[in-house]
Amino acid sequence: MIWQDVVIMIGCFGFAFALIPSIKGKAKPARMSCVITICLLIMVGVSFATLGLWLSFAAEVTAIIAWGILLIQKRV
C-alpha cells in the first residue's frame, strides 16, 4: 500500500460524505449534473483500479453510489 492511495481514499470518502446533506435535503442537483459527475467518477475509478489503488477505487465507488442516490431521488 502506498501513502497516496490512503490520501486519495480519504479525499474520495470526504466527497461522498459531503453529499449527505444533499441526499437528506429537499433540493437536488440537476439530472445532467448527476449523470456527468457519475460518468467522470467512473472514469477516475477505472483509472484507480488499473493503477492498483484499491482503497481509492473503493472510496470512488462510494462517491458514485452517493451521486446515483441523488440521481434516483431527482427522478422520483
N, C-alpha and C. Protein backbone atom coordinates (compact mmCIF):
# COMPACT_ATOMS: atom_id res chain seq x y z
N MET A 1 0.85 -1.17 0.00
CA MET A 1 0.00 0.00 0.00
C MET A 1 0.90 1.24 0.00
N ILE A 2 0.55 2.18 -0.86
CA ILE A 2 1.31 3.42 -0.90
C ILE A 2 0.51 4.52 -0.23
N TRP A 3 1.23 5.49 0.28
CA TRP A 3 0.56 6.55 1.06
C TRP A 3 -0.40 7.36 0.19
N GLN A 4 -0.13 7.47 -1.11
CA GLN A 4 -1.02 8.24 -1.98
C GLN A 4 -2.40 7.60 -2.06
N ASP A 5 -2.45 6.27 -2.01
CA ASP A 5 -3.72 5.57 -2.05
C ASP A 5 -4.56 5.94 -0.83
N VAL A 6 -3.94 6.03 0.31
CA VAL A 6 -4.66 6.39 1.55
C VAL A 6 -5.15 7.84 1.47
N VAL A 7 -4.32 8.74 0.99
CA VAL A 7 -4.70 10.15 0.90
C VAL A 7 -5.87 10.32 -0.08
N ILE A 8 -5.78 9.68 -1.24
CA ILE A 8 -6.86 9.77 -2.23
C ILE A 8 -8.13 9.16 -1.67
N MET A 9 -8.02 8.04 -0.96
CA MET A 9 -9.18 7.39 -0.37
C MET A 9 -9.88 8.34 0.60
N ILE A 10 -9.11 8.99 1.45
CA ILE A 10 -9.70 9.93 2.41
C ILE A 10 -10.44 11.05 1.69
N GLY A 11 -9.82 11.57 0.63
CA GLY A 11 -10.47 12.63 -0.14
C GLY A 11 -11.75 12.17 -0.81
N CYS A 12 -11.73 10.98 -1.38
CA CYS A 12 -12.92 10.45 -2.06
C CYS A 12 -14.05 10.18 -1.07
N PHE A 13 -13.71 9.61 0.08
CA PHE A 13 -14.74 9.42 1.11
C PHE A 13 -15.27 10.78 1.59
N GLY A 14 -14.39 11.77 1.65
CA GLY A 14 -14.81 13.11 2.04
C GLY A 14 -15.82 13.69 1.07
N PHE A 15 -15.58 13.49 -0.25
CA PHE A 15 -16.54 13.97 -1.25
C PHE A 15 -17.88 13.26 -1.10
N ALA A 16 -17.86 11.96 -0.85
CA ALA A 16 -19.11 11.21 -0.66
C ALA A 16 -19.82 11.69 0.60
N PHE A 17 -19.07 11.90 1.67
CA PHE A 17 -19.64 12.37 2.94
C PHE A 17 -20.28 13.75 2.76
N ALA A 18 -19.66 14.59 1.93
CA ALA A 18 -20.17 15.95 1.71
C ALA A 18 -21.53 15.95 1.01
N LEU A 19 -21.89 14.85 0.38
CA LEU A 19 -23.18 14.77 -0.31
C LEU A 19 -24.33 14.39 0.61
N ILE A 20 -24.05 14.00 1.82
CA ILE A 20 -25.11 13.57 2.74
C ILE A 20 -26.17 14.65 2.94
N PRO A 21 -25.81 15.93 3.15
CA PRO A 21 -26.87 16.95 3.28
C PRO A 21 -27.76 17.04 2.03
N SER A 22 -27.18 16.88 0.85
CA SER A 22 -27.99 16.90 -0.37
C SER A 22 -28.89 15.68 -0.47
N ILE A 23 -28.39 14.53 -0.05
CA ILE A 23 -29.19 13.31 -0.08
C ILE A 23 -30.37 13.43 0.89
N LYS A 24 -30.12 14.01 2.07
CA LYS A 24 -31.17 14.13 3.07
C LYS A 24 -32.09 15.32 2.83
N GLY A 25 -31.60 16.35 2.14
CA GLY A 25 -32.38 17.57 1.93
C GLY A 25 -33.37 17.45 0.79
N LYS A 26 -34.14 18.51 0.61
CA LYS A 26 -35.15 18.54 -0.44
C LYS A 26 -34.57 18.98 -1.78
N ALA A 27 -33.63 19.90 -1.76
CA ALA A 27 -33.04 20.41 -3.00
C ALA A 27 -32.05 19.39 -3.57
N LYS A 28 -32.18 19.10 -4.85
CA LYS A 28 -31.31 18.13 -5.53
C LYS A 28 -30.64 18.80 -6.73
N PRO A 29 -29.44 18.36 -7.07
CA PRO A 29 -28.80 18.90 -8.26
C PRO A 29 -29.54 18.45 -9.53
N ALA A 30 -29.28 19.14 -10.62
CA ALA A 30 -29.91 18.79 -11.89
C ALA A 30 -29.52 17.38 -12.31
N ARG A 31 -30.41 16.71 -13.04
CA ARG A 31 -30.15 15.34 -13.50
C ARG A 31 -28.86 15.26 -14.30
N MET A 32 -28.68 16.20 -15.23
CA MET A 32 -27.50 16.15 -16.09
C MET A 32 -26.22 16.32 -15.28
N SER A 33 -26.25 17.12 -14.23
CA SER A 33 -25.08 17.25 -13.36
C SER A 33 -24.74 15.92 -12.70
N CYS A 34 -25.77 15.21 -12.27
CA CYS A 34 -25.56 13.89 -11.66
C CYS A 34 -24.98 12.91 -12.66
N VAL A 35 -25.55 12.88 -13.87
CA VAL A 35 -25.10 11.93 -14.89
C VAL A 35 -23.66 12.21 -15.29
N ILE A 36 -23.34 13.46 -15.54
CA ILE A 36 -21.97 13.81 -15.94
C ILE A 36 -20.99 13.48 -14.83
N THR A 37 -21.34 13.81 -13.59
CA THR A 37 -20.45 13.54 -12.47
C THR A 37 -20.24 12.03 -12.30
N ILE A 38 -21.29 11.25 -12.41
CA ILE A 38 -21.17 9.79 -12.30
C ILE A 38 -20.24 9.26 -13.39
N CYS A 39 -20.41 9.71 -14.62
CA CYS A 39 -19.56 9.24 -15.72
C CYS A 39 -18.10 9.58 -15.47
N LEU A 40 -17.84 10.79 -15.03
CA LEU A 40 -16.45 11.19 -14.75
C LEU A 40 -15.87 10.41 -13.58
N LEU A 41 -16.67 10.19 -12.55
CA LEU A 41 -16.19 9.41 -11.40
C LEU A 41 -15.90 7.97 -11.80
N ILE A 42 -16.69 7.42 -12.70
CA ILE A 42 -16.43 6.06 -13.18
C ILE A 42 -15.09 6.01 -13.90
N MET A 43 -14.82 7.02 -14.72
CA MET A 43 -13.53 7.07 -15.43
C MET A 43 -12.37 7.15 -14.44
N VAL A 44 -12.50 7.97 -13.42
CA VAL A 44 -11.45 8.08 -12.41
C VAL A 44 -11.32 6.77 -11.64
N GLY A 45 -12.45 6.16 -11.29
CA GLY A 45 -12.43 4.89 -10.58
C GLY A 45 -11.74 3.78 -11.37
N VAL A 46 -12.01 3.71 -12.66
CA VAL A 46 -11.34 2.72 -13.51
C VAL A 46 -9.83 2.99 -13.53
N SER A 47 -9.47 4.25 -13.59
CA SER A 47 -8.04 4.61 -13.56
C SER A 47 -7.40 4.15 -12.25
N PHE A 48 -8.08 4.38 -11.14
CA PHE A 48 -7.55 3.93 -9.85
C PHE A 48 -7.36 2.41 -9.85
N ALA A 49 -8.36 1.69 -10.36
CA ALA A 49 -8.28 0.22 -10.37
C ALA A 49 -7.12 -0.26 -11.23
N THR A 50 -6.93 0.35 -12.40
CA THR A 50 -5.85 -0.11 -13.27
C THR A 50 -4.47 0.22 -12.70
N LEU A 51 -4.42 1.22 -11.81
CA LEU A 51 -3.16 1.54 -11.14
C LEU A 51 -2.95 0.72 -9.87
N GLY A 52 -3.94 -0.09 -9.51
CA GLY A 52 -3.84 -0.90 -8.30
C GLY A 52 -4.11 -0.12 -7.03
N LEU A 53 -4.77 1.02 -7.14
CA LEU A 53 -5.12 1.83 -5.97
C LEU A 53 -6.51 1.40 -5.49
N TRP A 54 -6.55 0.27 -4.83
CA TRP A 54 -7.82 -0.36 -4.49
C TRP A 54 -8.59 0.38 -3.41
N LEU A 55 -7.90 1.00 -2.47
CA LEU A 55 -8.61 1.79 -1.45
C LEU A 55 -9.27 3.00 -2.10
N SER A 56 -8.55 3.64 -3.00
CA SER A 56 -9.09 4.79 -3.73
C SER A 56 -10.27 4.36 -4.60
N PHE A 57 -10.14 3.22 -5.24
CA PHE A 57 -11.22 2.69 -6.07
C PHE A 57 -12.48 2.47 -5.22
N ALA A 58 -12.32 1.84 -4.06
CA ALA A 58 -13.47 1.58 -3.19
C ALA A 58 -14.13 2.87 -2.73
N ALA A 59 -13.31 3.86 -2.39
CA ALA A 59 -13.86 5.15 -1.96
C ALA A 59 -14.56 5.84 -3.12
N GLU A 60 -14.03 5.71 -4.32
CA GLU A 60 -14.65 6.31 -5.51
C GLU A 60 -16.00 5.67 -5.79
N VAL A 61 -16.09 4.37 -5.58
CA VAL A 61 -17.37 3.68 -5.75
C VAL A 61 -18.40 4.24 -4.77
N THR A 62 -17.97 4.57 -3.57
CA THR A 62 -18.87 5.18 -2.59
C THR A 62 -19.41 6.51 -3.09
N ALA A 63 -18.54 7.32 -3.69
CA ALA A 63 -18.97 8.61 -4.24
C ALA A 63 -19.93 8.39 -5.42
N ILE A 64 -19.65 7.39 -6.25
CA ILE A 64 -20.54 7.08 -7.37
C ILE A 64 -21.92 6.68 -6.86
N ILE A 65 -21.96 5.88 -5.82
CA ILE A 65 -23.23 5.46 -5.23
C ILE A 65 -23.98 6.67 -4.68
N ALA A 66 -23.28 7.57 -4.00
CA ALA A 66 -23.93 8.76 -3.44
C ALA A 66 -24.54 9.62 -4.56
N TRP A 67 -23.79 9.81 -5.65
CA TRP A 67 -24.34 10.58 -6.78
C TRP A 67 -25.49 9.82 -7.44
N GLY A 68 -25.41 8.50 -7.46
CA GLY A 68 -26.50 7.69 -8.00
C GLY A 68 -27.78 7.84 -7.18
N ILE A 69 -27.62 7.89 -5.87
CA ILE A 69 -28.78 8.12 -4.99
C ILE A 69 -29.41 9.46 -5.31
N LEU A 70 -28.60 10.50 -5.49
CA LEU A 70 -29.13 11.81 -5.85
C LEU A 70 -29.87 11.77 -7.18
N LEU A 71 -29.32 11.05 -8.14
CA LEU A 71 -29.96 10.94 -9.44
C LEU A 71 -31.31 10.25 -9.31
N ILE A 72 -31.36 9.17 -8.54
CA ILE A 72 -32.63 8.45 -8.34
C ILE A 72 -33.64 9.34 -7.62
N GLN A 73 -33.18 10.07 -6.61
CA GLN A 73 -34.08 10.97 -5.89
C GLN A 73 -34.63 12.06 -6.79
N LYS A 74 -33.81 12.53 -7.72
CA LYS A 74 -34.25 13.57 -8.64
C LYS A 74 -35.33 13.04 -9.59
N ARG A 75 -35.23 11.78 -9.94
CA ARG A 75 -36.20 11.18 -10.87
C ARG A 75 -37.52 10.90 -10.19
N VAL A 76 -37.52 10.66 -8.90
CA VAL A 76 -38.74 10.28 -8.18
C VAL A 76 -39.59 11.49 -7.90
